[in-house]
Amino acid sequence: MTMHTVALIGAGRIGRIHAANAAANARLQLVSVTDPTPAGAELANQYGAATRSVEEVFADPSIRGVIIASSTDTHLDYSLAAARAGKAVFCEKPLDQDLDRAKEAAATFDSLGQPVLLAFNRRFDANFATLQARLVEGVVGELETLHIISHDPAPPPADYVRTSGGLFKDMVIHDFDMARWLLGEPVVEVFSTTSVLVDPAIGEAGDVDTAKTILKTAGGRLCVISSSRRSGYGYDQRIEAYGSGGMIRAQNQLETTVETWTANGAAADRFQNFFLDRYRVAYAREMDHFADVLDGSAPLIDHNDGVAALALAEAAARSAAEGAVIRL
């Protein structure tokens, strides 16, 4: 078994998750943490890693892979710098917020030849992965329609919304990637309609908090994505896939599997209420796949997937603004 040395850029909330998973992985050694805040040094000390600048990380030939979990506006530049330095890249979504920049960079990544794993963690959820595998196996015949529900427990602060890139690029982009993965055909039409129903402050910040999006593939398959910044009952993450011979459903994760049965009926536990709880195992599996990539496997999700998801996000935003179907 080969031990691969990796560096982390970004010690915020998601960076801490990736640091813990890298440190716990038997095939990875976290040797460096980069972050200008005190959190960087604290995280480095926690895992016995060094605190280094990005320039030092990219110049160090002993570092094989770079985990990029810094602010969104730095993702693309750091990913390109890492690839140019001959290092494998693990980059948080999105690759960038500008589609033209992302497309141009994709060609550069192709020419550099270094692997890029784009961290759409939901593909590594065991439930969704099983659903996708059964679709490929044809368990319910030919896929016809798909329904993806993704509702957050509560809205984010308006300050976050102002710099997030908007609902489609910040939140629904996960579901666009999931739709592409499950539909198995190119999406050729996008229609979306939006509202501000959850928090007026989100509208004042220039964004929306509720959306319904319809995707249509070249073969006529349809996908409906339901998006909301607030469910009121927990983190709602469900997928239903309808085929010519039946339906496959991935349900929500509960805090426990305990149910109470009385004369008043049955009551189950609450939904898991935060994405770090719901996708905790998926994040670990995602990092383990980065170890696979460092071993020589091709990334299951790369920069081209990131560009494709971003293209759907931009098409959905344009559709909502124009009230029209956008043809890709």
C-alpha atoms as a PDB file:
ATOM      1  CA  MET A   1       0.000   0.000   0.000  1.00  0.00           C
ATOM      2  CA  THR A   2       1.379   3.389  -1.053  1.00  0.00           C
ATOM      3  CA  MET A   3       1.147   6.353   1.322  1.00  0.00           C
ATOM      4  CA  HIS A   4       0.453   9.581  -0.561  1.00  0.00           C
ATOM      5  CA  THR A   5       1.348  12.978   0.889  1.00  0.00           C
ATOM      6  CA  VAL A   6      -1.341  15.626   0.484  1.00  0.00           C
ATOM      7  CA  ALA A   7      -1.758  19.298   1.342  1.00  0.00           C
ATOM      8  CA  LEU A   8      -4.935  21.146   2.287  1.00  0.00           C
ATOM      9  CA  ILE A   9      -5.723  24.702   1.202  1.00  0.00           C
ATOM     10  CA  GLY A  10      -8.544  26.198   3.259  1.00  0.00           C
ATOM     11  CA  ALA A  11      -9.275  25.547   6.939  1.00  0.00           C
ATOM     12  CA  GLY A  12     -12.914  26.571   7.071  1.00  0.00           C
ATOM     13  CA  ARG A  13     -15.883  24.317   7.752  1.00  0.00           C
ATOM     14  CA  ILE A  14     -15.479  22.065   4.715  1.00  0.00           C
ATOM     15  CA  GLY A  15     -11.687  22.158   4.998  1.00  0.00           C
ATOM     16  CA  ARG A  16     -11.906  20.748   8.508  1.00  0.00           C
ATOM     17  CA  ILE A  17     -14.059  17.889   7.231  1.00  0.00           C
ATOM     18  CA  HIS A  18     -11.572  17.071   4.489  1.00  0.00           C
ATOM     19  CA  ALA A  19      -8.637  17.326   6.907  1.00  0.00           C
ATOM     20  CA  ALA A  20     -10.221  14.831   9.277  1.00  0.00           C
ATOM     21  CA  ASN A  21     -10.966  12.396   6.463  1.00  0.00           C
ATOM     22  CA  ALA A  22      -7.501  12.706   4.928  1.00  0.00           C
ATOM     23  CA  ALA A  23      -5.849  12.186   8.313  1.00  0.00           C
ATOM     24  CA  ALA A  24      -8.017   9.136   8.993  1.00  0.00           C
ATOM     25  CA  ASN A  25      -7.285   7.522   5.621  1.00  0.00           C
ATOM     26  CA  ALA A  26      -4.572   4.858   5.752  1.00  0.00           C
ATOM     27  CA  ARG A  27      -3.361   5.753   2.250  1.00  0.00           C
ATOM     28  CA  LEU A  28      -3.036   9.499   2.803  1.00  0.00           C
ATOM     29  CA  GLN A  29      -0.706  11.620   4.922  1.00  0.00           C
ATOM     30  CA  LEU A  30      -1.786  15.210   5.523  1.00  0.00           C
ATOM     31  CA  VAL A  31       1.517  17.093   5.670  1.00  0.00           C
ATOM     32  CA  SER A  32       0.497  20.717   5.133  1.00  0.00           C
ATOM     33  CA  VAL A  33      -2.345  23.155   5.811  1.00  0.00           C
ATOM     34  CA  THR A  34      -2.639  26.576   4.174  1.00  0.00           C
ATOM     35  CA  ASP A  35      -4.967  29.262   5.521  1.00  0.00           C
ATOM     36  CA  PRO A  36      -4.242  32.905   6.417  1.00  0.00           C
ATOM     37  CA  THR A  37      -6.399  32.782   9.557  1.00  0.00           C
ATOM     38  CA  PRO A  38      -5.484  31.287  12.952  1.00  0.00           C
ATOM     39  CA  ALA A  39      -7.694  28.326  12.012  1.00  0.00           C
ATOM     40  CA  GLY A  40      -4.991  27.174   9.626  1.00  0.00           C
ATOM     41  CA  ALA A  41      -2.337  26.819  12.312  1.00  0.00           C
ATOM     42  CA  GLU A  42      -4.832  25.222  14.692  1.00  0.00           C
ATOM     43  CA  LEU A  43      -5.836  22.616  12.125  1.00  0.00           C
ATOM     44  CA  ALA A  44      -2.221  21.915  11.192  1.00  0.00           C
ATOM     45  CA  ASN A  45      -1.309  21.389  14.854  1.00  0.00           C
ATOM     46  CA  GLN A  46      -4.295  19.093  15.335  1.00  0.00           C
ATOM     47  CA  TYR A  47      -3.029  16.692  12.678  1.00  0.00           C
ATOM     48  CA  GLY A  48       0.715  17.179  13.041  1.00  0.00           C
ATOM     49  CA  ALA A  49       1.020  18.991   9.720  1.00  0.00           C
ATOM     50  CA  ALA A  50       3.088  22.006   8.726  1.00  0.00           C
ATOM     51  CA  THR A  51       1.693  25.464   8.013  1.00  0.00           C
ATOM     52  CA  ARG A  52       2.814  26.601   4.579  1.00  0.00           C
ATOM     53  CA  SER A  53       2.048  29.188   1.919  1.00  0.00           C
ATOM     54  CA  VAL A  54       0.458  28.115  -1.356  1.00  0.00           C
ATOM     55  CA  GLU A  55       3.753  28.872  -3.113  1.00  0.00           C
ATOM     56  CA  GLU A  56       5.607  26.498  -0.794  1.00  0.00           C
ATOM     57  CA  VAL A  57       3.003  23.791  -1.334  1.00  0.00           C
ATOM     58  CA  PHE A  58       3.170  23.966  -5.115  1.00  0.00           C
ATOM     59  CA  ALA A  59       6.991  24.047  -5.081  1.00  0.00           C
ATOM     60  CA  ASP A  60       7.346  20.973  -2.859  1.00  0.00           C
ATOM     61  CA  PRO A  61       7.890  17.906  -5.078  1.00  0.00           C
ATOM     62  CA  SER A  62       7.110  15.535  -2.198  1.00  0.00           C
ATOM     63  CA  ILE A  63       3.471  16.644  -2.090  1.00  0.00           C
ATOM     64  CA  ARG A  64       1.521  14.471  -4.519  1.00  0.00           C
ATOM     65  CA  GLY A  65      -1.994  15.827  -4.114  1.00  0.00           C
ATOM     66  CA  VAL A  66      -3.650  19.122  -3.154  1.00  0.00           C
ATOM     67  CA  ILE A  67      -7.081  19.387  -1.516  1.00  0.00           C
ATOM     68  CA  ILE A  68      -8.631  22.755  -2.355  1.00  0.00           C
ATOM     69  CA  ALA A  69     -11.305  23.826   0.141  1.00  0.00           C
ATOM     70  CA  SER A  70     -10.702  27.573   0.133  1.00  0.00           C
ATOM     71  CA  SER A  71     -13.189  30.278  -0.883  1.00  0.00           C
ATOM     72  CA  THR A  72     -15.005  29.661  -4.161  1.00  0.00           C
ATOM     73  CA  ASP A  73     -13.306  32.525  -5.990  1.00  0.00           C
ATOM     74  CA  THR A  74      -9.915  30.796  -5.504  1.00  0.00           C
ATOM     75  CA  HIS A  75     -10.897  27.270  -6.609  1.00  0.00           C
ATOM     76  CA  LEU A  76      -9.958  27.549 -10.249  1.00  0.00           C
ATOM     77  CA  ASP A  77      -6.687  29.455  -9.827  1.00  0.00           C
ATOM     78  CA  TYR A  78      -5.422  27.105  -7.126  1.00  0.00           C
ATOM     79  CA  SER A  79      -6.494  24.037  -9.105  1.00  0.00           C
ATOM     80  CA  LEU A  80      -4.645  25.246 -12.194  1.00  0.00           C
ATOM     81  CA  ALA A  81      -1.541  26.101 -10.166  1.00  0.00           C
ATOM     82  CA  ALA A  82      -1.559  22.674  -8.538  1.00  0.00           C
ATOM     83  CA  ALA A  83      -1.949  20.892 -11.881  1.00  0.00           C
ATOM     84  CA  ARG A  84       0.837  22.962 -13.426  1.00  0.00           C
ATOM     85  CA  ALA A  85       3.018  21.927 -10.486  1.00  0.00           C
ATOM     86  CA  GLY A  86       2.411  18.287 -11.375  1.00  0.00           C
ATOM     87  CA  LYS A  87       0.021  17.519  -8.538  1.00  0.00           C
ATOM     88  CA  ALA A  88      -3.300  15.698  -8.465  1.00  0.00           C
ATOM     89  CA  VAL A  89      -6.192  17.998  -7.579  1.00  0.00           C
ATOM     90  CA  PHE A  90      -9.148  17.496  -5.241  1.00  0.00           C
ATOM     91  CA  CYS A  91     -11.323  20.599  -5.669  1.00  0.00           C
ATOM     92  CA  GLU A  92     -14.504  21.544  -3.855  1.00  0.00           C
ATOM     93  CA  LYS A  93     -17.433  22.511  -6.047  1.00  0.00           C
ATOM     94  CA  PRO A  94     -17.916  24.647  -8.001  1.00  0.00           C
ATOM     95  CA  LEU A  95     -14.825  24.733 -10.166  1.00  0.00           C
ATOM     96  CA  ASP A  96     -15.588  28.419 -10.775  1.00  0.00           C
ATOM     97  CA  GLN A  97     -18.595  30.729 -10.915  1.00  0.00           C
ATOM     98  CA  ASP A  98     -17.899  31.851 -14.483  1.00  0.00           C
ATOM     99  CA  LEU A  99     -18.722  29.330 -17.202  1.00  0.00           C
ATOM    100  CA  ASP A 100     -16.393  30.805 -19.827  1.00  0.00           C
ATOM    101  CA  ARG A 101     -13.428  30.704 -17.438  1.00  0.00           C
ATOM    102  CA  ALA A 102     -14.269  27.146 -16.457  1.00  0.00           C
ATOM    103  CA  LYS A 103     -14.476  26.031 -20.100  1.00  0.00           C
ATOM    104  CA  GLU A 104     -11.140  27.609 -20.915  1.00  0.00           C
ATOM    105  CA  ALA A 105      -9.568  26.016 -17.849  1.00  0.00           C
ATOM    106  CA  ALA A 106     -10.970  22.587 -18.757  1.00  0.00           C
ATOM    107  CA  ALA A 107      -8.922  22.595 -21.936  1.00  0.00           C
ATOM    108  CA  THR A 108      -5.845  23.534 -19.913  1.00  0.00           C
ATOM    109  CA  PHE A 109      -6.438  20.696 -17.454  1.00  0.00           C
ATOM    110  CA  ASP A 110      -6.742  18.286 -20.371  1.00  0.00           C
ATOM    111  CA  SER A 111      -3.398  19.440 -21.773  1.00  0.00           C
ATOM    112  CA  LEU A 112      -1.645  19.265 -18.394  1.00  0.00           C
ATOM    113  CA  GLY A 113      -2.748  15.686 -17.843  1.00  0.00           C
ATOM    114  CA  GLN A 114      -2.946  15.818 -14.055  1.00  0.00           C
ATOM    115  CA  PRO A 115      -6.057  14.197 -12.532  1.00  0.00           C
ATOM    116  CA  VAL A 116      -8.729  16.537 -11.186  1.00  0.00           C
ATOM    117  CA  LEU A 117     -11.377  15.199  -8.805  1.00  0.00           C
ATOM    118  CA  LEU A 118     -14.252  17.638  -8.484  1.00  0.00           C
ATOM    119  CA  ALA A 119     -15.896  17.124  -5.112  1.00  0.00           C
ATOM    120  CA  PHE A 120     -19.569  16.527  -5.824  1.00  0.00           C
ATOM    121  CA  ASN A 121     -19.860  14.452  -2.680  1.00  0.00           C
ATOM    122  CA  ARG A 122     -23.415  13.214  -3.220  1.00  0.00           C
ATOM    123  CA  ARG A 123     -22.253  10.727  -5.845  1.00  0.00           C
ATOM    124  CA  PHE A 124     -20.459   8.961  -2.985  1.00  0.00           C
ATOM    125  CA  ASP A 125     -23.575   8.567  -0.858  1.00  0.00           C
ATOM    126  CA  ALA A 126     -24.251   4.823  -0.634  1.00  0.00           C
ATOM    127  CA  ASN A 127     -27.999   5.247  -1.157  1.00  0.00           C
ATOM    128  CA  PHE A 128     -27.679   7.358  -4.294  1.00  0.00           C
ATOM    129  CA  ALA A 129     -24.864   5.165  -5.626  1.00  0.00           C
ATOM    130  CA  THR A 130     -27.062   2.095  -5.210  1.00  0.00           C
ATOM    131  CA  LEU A 131     -29.939   3.837  -6.999  1.00  0.00           C
ATOM    132  CA  GLN A 132     -27.652   4.728  -9.894  1.00  0.00           C
ATOM    133  CA  ALA A 133     -26.266   1.187 -10.104  1.00  0.00           C
ATOM    134  CA  ARG A 134     -29.769  -0.285 -10.266  1.00  0.00           C
ATOM    135  CA  LEU A 135     -30.716   2.111 -13.037  1.00  0.00           C
ATOM    136  CA  VAL A 136     -27.664   1.013 -15.012  1.00  0.00           C
ATOM    137  CA  GLU A 137     -28.588  -2.628 -14.380  1.00  0.00           C
ATOM    138  CA  GLY A 138     -32.047  -1.978 -15.809  1.00  0.00           C
ATOM    139  CA  VAL A 139     -33.844  -3.192 -12.695  1.00  0.00           C
ATOM    140  CA  VAL A 140     -36.869  -1.013 -13.550  1.00  0.00           C
ATOM    141  CA  GLY A 141     -36.412  -1.040 -17.302  1.00  0.00           C
ATOM    142  CA  GLU A 142     -35.611   2.119 -19.212  1.00  0.00           C
ATOM    143  CA  LEU A 143     -35.470   5.301 -17.133  1.00  0.00           C
ATOM    144  CA  GLU A 144     -38.235   7.728 -18.118  1.00  0.00           C
ATOM    145  CA  THR A 145     -38.483  10.424 -15.432  1.00  0.00           C
ATOM    146  CA  LEU A 146     -36.512  11.539 -12.403  1.00  0.00           C
ATOM    147  CA  HIS A 147     -37.558  13.558  -9.353  1.00  0.00           C
ATOM    148  CA  ILE A 148     -34.883  15.132  -7.141  1.00  0.00           C
ATOM    149  CA  ILE A 149     -35.907  16.869  -3.913  1.00  0.00           C
ATOM    150  CA  SER A 150     -33.291  18.981  -2.148  1.00  0.00           C
ATOM    151  CA  HIS A 151     -34.610  21.242   0.619  1.00  0.00           C
ATOM    152  CA  ASP A 152     -32.339  22.735   3.256  1.00  0.00           C
ATOM    153  CA  PRO A 153     -33.486  22.782   6.906  1.00  0.00           C
ATOM    154  CA  ALA A 154     -33.235  26.583   7.185  1.00  0.00           C
ATOM    155  CA  PRO A 155     -32.026  29.497   5.067  1.00  0.00           C
ATOM    156  CA  PRO A 156     -28.450  30.804   5.262  1.00  0.00           C
ATOM    157  CA  PRO A 157     -27.679  34.358   6.425  1.00  0.00           C
ATOM    158  CA  ALA A 158     -28.172  37.079   3.836  1.00  0.00           C
ATOM    159  CA  ASP A 159     -24.445  37.930   4.045  1.00  0.00           C
ATOM    160  CA  TYR A 160     -23.659  34.416   2.814  1.00  0.00           C
ATOM    161  CA  VAL A 161     -26.171  34.710  -0.002  1.00  0.00           C
ATOM    162  CA  ARG A 162     -24.527  37.887  -1.337  1.00  0.00           C
ATOM    163  CA  THR A 163     -21.264  36.051  -2.049  1.00  0.00           C
ATOM    164  CA  SER A 164     -22.579  32.539  -2.729  1.00  0.00           C
ATOM    165  CA  GLY A 165     -23.048  32.854  -6.467  1.00  0.00           C
ATOM    166  CA  GLY A 166     -26.793  32.367  -6.191  1.00  0.00           C
ATOM    167  CA  LEU A 167     -29.132  29.464  -5.519  1.00  0.00           C
ATOM    168  CA  PHE A 168     -28.328  27.584  -8.722  1.00  0.00           C
ATOM    169  CA  LYS A 169     -24.537  27.776  -8.533  1.00  0.00           C
ATOM    170  CA  ASP A 170     -24.306  27.397  -4.765  1.00  0.00           C
ATOM    171  CA  MET A 171     -26.987  24.836  -3.929  1.00  0.00           C
ATOM    172  CA  VAL A 172     -28.743  23.337  -6.953  1.00  0.00           C
ATOM    173  CA  ILE A 173     -25.443  22.646  -8.739  1.00  0.00           C
ATOM    174  CA  HIS A 174     -25.213  19.459  -6.643  1.00  0.00           C
ATOM    175  CA  ASP A 175     -28.551  18.354  -8.075  1.00  0.00           C
ATOM    176  CA  PHE A 176     -27.555  19.254 -11.626  1.00  0.00           C
ATOM    177  CA  ASP A 177     -24.557  16.956 -11.266  1.00  0.00           C
ATOM    178  CA  MET A 178     -26.761  14.243  -9.761  1.00  0.00           C
ATOM    179  CA  ALA A 179     -29.271  14.601 -12.597  1.00  0.00           C
ATOM    180  CA  ARG A 180     -26.566  14.277 -15.253  1.00  0.00           C
ATOM    181  CA  TRP A 181     -25.210  11.184 -13.521  1.00  0.00           C
ATOM    182  CA  LEU A 182     -28.585   9.469 -13.220  1.00  0.00           C
ATOM    183  CA  LEU A 183     -30.177  10.499 -16.519  1.00  0.00           C
ATOM    184  CA  GLY A 184     -27.352   8.980 -18.531  1.00  0.00           C
ATOM    185  CA  GLU A 185     -28.054  11.213 -21.533  1.00  0.00           C
ATOM    186  CA  PRO A 186     -27.116  14.794 -22.439  1.00  0.00           C
ATOM    187  CA  VAL A 187     -29.520  17.468 -21.191  1.00  0.00           C
ATOM    188  CA  VAL A 188     -30.748  19.581 -24.107  1.00  0.00           C
ATOM    189  CA  GLU A 189     -33.455  21.758 -22.516  1.00  0.00           C
ATOM    190  CA  VAL A 190     -33.716  23.612 -19.195  1.00  0.00           C
ATOM    191  CA  PHE A 191     -36.700  25.448 -17.752  1.00  0.00           C
ATOM    192  CA  SER A 192     -36.770  26.965 -14.280  1.00  0.00           C
ATOM    193  CA  THR A 193     -39.048  29.224 -12.292  1.00  0.00           C
ATOM    194  CA  THR A 194     -38.157  30.811  -8.964  1.00  0.00           C
ATOM    195  CA  SER A 195     -39.587  32.734  -6.018  1.00  0.00           C
ATOM    196  CA  VAL A 196     -38.620  34.347  -2.741  1.00  0.00           C
ATOM    197  CA  LEU A 197     -40.880  32.554  -0.280  1.00  0.00           C
ATOM    198  CA  VAL A 198     -38.599  31.788   2.649  1.00  0.00           C
ATOM    199  CA  ASP A 199     -36.818  34.987   3.654  1.00  0.00           C
ATOM    200  CA  PRO A 200     -37.293  38.484   2.146  1.00  0.00           C
ATOM    201  CA  ALA A 201     -33.677  39.260   3.044  1.00  0.00           C
ATOM    202  CA  ILE A 202     -32.560  36.714   0.451  1.00  0.00           C
ATOM    203  CA  GLY A 203     -34.478  38.607  -2.220  1.00  0.00           C
ATOM    204  CA  GLU A 204     -33.014  41.889  -0.992  1.00  0.00           C
ATOM    205  CA  ALA A 205     -29.565  40.312  -1.361  1.00  0.00           C
ATOM    206  CA  GLY A 206     -30.332  39.688  -5.031  1.00  0.00           C
ATOM    207  CA  ASP A 207     -31.099  35.981  -4.891  1.00  0.00           C
ATOM    208  CA  VAL A 208     -34.055  33.574  -4.716  1.00  0.00           C
ATOM    209  CA  ASP A 209     -34.761  30.841  -2.183  1.00  0.00           C
ATOM    210  CA  THR A 210     -37.210  28.524  -3.978  1.00  0.00           C
ATOM    211  CA  ALA A 211     -37.030  26.956  -7.433  1.00  0.00           C
ATOM    212  CA  LYS A 212     -38.529  24.270  -9.620  1.00  0.00           C
ATOM    213  CA  THR A 213     -36.429  23.173 -12.575  1.00  0.00           C
ATOM    214  CA  ILE A 214     -37.242  20.809 -15.437  1.00  0.00           C
ATOM    215  CA  LEU A 215     -34.497  19.172 -17.485  1.00  0.00           C
ATOM    216  CA  LYS A 216     -35.091  17.291 -20.740  1.00  0.00           C
ATOM    217  CA  THR A 217     -32.560  14.973 -22.338  1.00  0.00           C
ATOM    218  CA  ALA A 218     -31.870  14.280 -25.981  1.00  0.00           C
ATOM    219  CA  GLY A 219     -33.848  11.051 -25.658  1.00  0.00           C
ATOM    220  CA  GLY A 220     -36.833  12.750 -24.027  1.00  0.00           C
ATOM    221  CA  ARG A 221     -36.198  11.791 -20.406  1.00  0.00           C
ATOM    222  CA  LEU A 222     -37.475  14.370 -17.914  1.00  0.00           C
ATOM    223  CA  CYS A 223     -36.104  15.422 -14.544  1.00  0.00           C
ATOM    224  CA  VAL A 224     -37.795  17.708 -12.030  1.00  0.00           C
ATOM    225  CA  ILE A 225     -35.593  19.308  -9.358  1.00  0.00           C
ATOM    226  CA  SER A 226     -37.325  20.837  -6.333  1.00  0.00           C
ATOM    227  CA  SER A 227     -35.122  23.316  -4.466  1.00  0.00           C
ATOM    228  CA  SER A 228     -35.809  25.258  -1.286  1.00  0.00           C
ATOM    229  CA  ARG A 229     -33.695  27.026   1.302  1.00  0.00           C
ATOM    230  CA  ARG A 230     -36.119  25.878   4.043  1.00  0.00           C
ATOM    231  CA  SER A 231     -38.039  22.684   4.682  1.00  0.00           C
ATOM    232  CA  GLY A 232     -39.168  23.283   8.263  1.00  0.00           C
ATOM    233  CA  TYR A 233     -38.726  19.595   9.070  1.00  0.00           C
ATOM    234  CA  GLY A 234     -35.041  18.795   8.499  1.00  0.00           C
ATOM    235  CA  TYR A 235     -32.650  18.182   5.641  1.00  0.00           C
ATOM    236  CA  ASP A 236     -34.844  16.743   2.882  1.00  0.00           C
ATOM    237  CA  GLN A 237     -32.794  14.737   0.365  1.00  0.00           C
ATOM    238  CA  ARG A 238     -34.811  12.321  -1.771  1.00  0.00           C
ATOM    239  CA  ILE A 239     -34.642  10.898  -5.263  1.00  0.00           C
ATOM    240  CA  GLU A 240     -37.277   8.958  -7.183  1.00  0.00           C
ATOM    241  CA  ALA A 241     -36.487   7.345 -10.523  1.00  0.00           C
ATOM    242  CA  TYR A 242     -39.368   6.054 -12.655  1.00  0.00           C
ATOM    243  CA  GLY A 243     -38.678   3.475 -15.339  1.00  0.00           C
ATOM    244  CA  SER A 244     -40.673   1.501 -17.870  1.00  0.00           C
ATOM    245  CA  GLY A 245     -40.924  -1.361 -15.370  1.00  0.00           C
ATOM    246  CA  GLY A 246     -41.126   0.288 -11.975  1.00  0.00           C
ATOM    247  CA  MET A 247     -39.674   2.873  -9.625  1.00  0.00           C
ATOM    248  CA  ILE A 248     -36.519   3.168  -7.485  1.00  0.00           C
ATOM    249  CA  ARG A 249     -36.565   5.498  -4.477  1.00  0.00           C
ATOM    250  CA  ALA A 250     -33.822   6.760  -2.165  1.00  0.00           C
ATOM    251  CA  GLN A 251     -35.334   8.055   1.063  1.00  0.00           C
ATOM    252  CA  ASN A 252     -34.167  10.475   3.738  1.00  0.00           C
ATOM    253  CA  GLN A 253     -31.776   9.503   6.502  1.00  0.00           C
ATOM    254  CA  LEU A 254     -33.234   9.660  10.021  1.00  0.00           C
ATOM    255  CA  GLU A 255     -31.460  10.413  13.289  1.00  0.00           C
ATOM    256  CA  THR A 256     -32.280   6.853  14.389  1.00  0.00           C
ATOM    257  CA  THR A 257     -34.322   3.953  13.028  1.00  0.00           C
ATOM    258  CA  VAL A 258     -36.464   3.868  16.194  1.00  0.00           C
ATOM    259  CA  GLU A 259     -40.232   4.091  15.692  1.00  0.00           C
ATOM    260  CA  THR A 260     -42.960   4.477  18.320  1.00  0.00           C
ATOM    261  CA  TRP A 261     -46.281   2.753  17.736  1.00  0.00           C
ATOM    262  CA  THR A 262     -49.333   3.702  19.800  1.00  0.00           C
ATOM    263  CA  ALA A 263     -53.098   3.931  19.391  1.00  0.00           C
ATOM    264  CA  ASN A 264     -52.505   7.334  17.790  1.00  0.00           C
ATOM    265  CA  GLY A 265     -50.386   5.809  15.031  1.00  0.00           C
ATOM    266  CA  ALA A 266     -46.682   5.406  14.297  1.00  0.00           C
ATOM    267  CA  ALA A 267     -44.019   8.062  14.843  1.00  0.00           C
ATOM    268  CA  ALA A 268     -40.447   7.953  13.525  1.00  0.00           C
ATOM    269  CA  ASP A 269     -37.373   9.976  14.460  1.00  0.00           C
ATOM    270  CA  ARG A 270     -36.407  13.306  12.876  1.00  0.00           C
ATOM    271  CA  PHE A 271     -34.515  13.715   9.621  1.00  0.00           C
ATOM    272  CA  GLN A 272     -30.829  14.412   9.934  1.00  0.00           C
ATOM    273  CA  ASN A 273     -30.726  18.184  10.060  1.00  0.00           C
ATOM    274  CA  PHE A 274     -27.448  19.253   8.461  1.00  0.00           C
ATOM    275  CA  PHE A 275     -25.472  18.348   5.354  1.00  0.00           C
ATOM    276  CA  LEU A 276     -22.388  17.405   7.386  1.00  0.00           C
ATOM    277  CA  ASP A 277     -24.457  14.775   9.207  1.00  0.00           C
ATOM    278  CA  ARG A 278     -26.347  13.527   6.167  1.00  0.00           C
ATOM    279  CA  TYR A 279     -23.241  13.178   4.008  1.00  0.00           C
ATOM    280  CA  ARG A 280     -20.627  12.400   6.656  1.00  0.00           C
ATOM    281  CA  VAL A 281     -19.894   8.935   5.221  1.00  0.00           C
ATOM    282  CA  ALA A 282     -20.047  10.257   1.645  1.00  0.00           C
ATOM    283  CA  TYR A 283     -17.312  12.789   2.445  1.00  0.00           C
ATOM    284  CA  ALA A 284     -15.096   9.988   3.788  1.00  0.00           C
ATOM    285  CA  ARG A 285     -15.740   7.835   0.712  1.00  0.00           C
ATOM    286  CA  GLU A 286     -14.979  10.823  -1.511  1.00  0.00           C
ATOM    287  CA  MET A 287     -11.589  11.276   0.155  1.00  0.00           C
ATOM    288  CA  ASP A 288     -10.905   7.550  -0.170  1.00  0.00           C
ATOM    289  CA  HIS A 289     -11.547   7.904  -3.890  1.00  0.00           C
ATOM    290  CA  PHE A 290      -8.922  10.643  -3.998  1.00  0.00           C
ATOM    291  CA  ALA A 291      -6.513   8.029  -2.660  1.00  0.00           C
ATOM    292  CA  ASP A 292      -7.657   5.802  -5.549  1.00  0.00           C
ATOM    293  CA  VAL A 293      -6.879   8.647  -7.942  1.00  0.00           C
ATOM    294  CA  LEU A 294      -3.412   9.037  -6.440  1.00  0.00           C
ATOM    295  CA  ASP A 295      -2.977   5.282  -6.918  1.00  0.00           C
ATOM    296  CA  GLY A 296      -3.681   5.788 -10.625  1.00  0.00           C
ATOM    297  CA  SER A 297      -7.456   5.452 -11.014  1.00  0.00           C
ATOM    298  CA  ALA A 298      -9.357   7.933 -13.179  1.00  0.00           C
ATOM    299  CA  PRO A 299     -11.498  10.393 -11.186  1.00  0.00           C
ATOM    300  CA  LEU A 300     -15.181   9.459 -11.158  1.00  0.00           C
ATOM    301  CA  ILE A 301     -16.014  13.183 -11.407  1.00  0.00           C
ATOM    302  CA  ASP A 302     -13.621  15.564 -13.123  1.00  0.00           C
ATOM    303  CA  HIS A 303     -13.320  19.149 -14.336  1.00  0.00           C
ATOM    304  CA  ASN A 304     -15.486  18.430 -17.382  1.00  0.00           C
ATOM    305  CA  ASP A 305     -18.324  17.327 -15.095  1.00  0.00           C
ATOM    306  CA  GLY A 306     -17.856  20.575 -13.202  1.00  0.00           C
ATOM    307  CA  VAL A 307     -18.197  22.577 -16.402  1.00  0.00           C
ATOM    308  CA  ALA A 308     -21.330  20.647 -17.412  1.00  0.00           C
ATOM    309  CA  ALA A 309     -23.021  21.222 -14.044  1.00  0.00           C
ATOM    310  CA  LEU A 310     -22.100  24.911 -14.162  1.00  0.00           C
ATOM    311  CA  ALA A 311     -23.594  25.165 -17.652  1.00  0.00           C
ATOM    312  CA  LEU A 312     -26.895  23.807 -16.329  1.00  0.00           C
ATOM    313  CA  ALA A 313     -26.786  26.263 -13.406  1.00  0.00           C
ATOM    314  CA  GLU A 314     -26.311  29.202 -15.757  1.00  0.00           C
ATOM    315  CA  ALA A 315     -29.044  27.937 -18.085  1.00  0.00           C
ATOM    316  CA  ALA A 316     -31.473  27.593 -15.159  1.00  0.00           C
ATOM    317  CA  ALA A 317     -30.744  31.125 -13.954  1.00  0.00           C
ATOM    318  CA  ARG A 318     -31.227  32.468 -17.469  1.00  0.00           C
ATOM    319  CA  SER A 319     -34.468  30.503 -17.868  1.00  0.00           C
ATOM    320  CA  ALA A 320     -35.841  31.906 -14.611  1.00  0.00           C
ATOM    321  CA  ALA A 321     -34.882  35.448 -15.614  1.00  0.00           C
ATOM    322  CA  GLU A 322     -36.378  35.199 -19.103  1.00  0.00           C
ATOM    323  CA  GLY A 323     -39.301  32.918 -18.347  1.00  0.00           C
ATOM    324  CA  ALA A 324     -38.276  30.733 -21.272  1.00  0.00           C
ATOM    325  CA  VAL A 325     -36.961  27.279 -22.094  1.00  0.00           C
ATOM    326  CA  ILE A 326     -33.218  27.382 -22.668  1.00  0.00           C
ATOM    327  CA  ARG A 327     -31.912  25.000 -25.317  1.00  0.00           C
ATOM    328  CA  LEU A 328     -28.368  23.799 -24.911  1.00  0.00           C
END
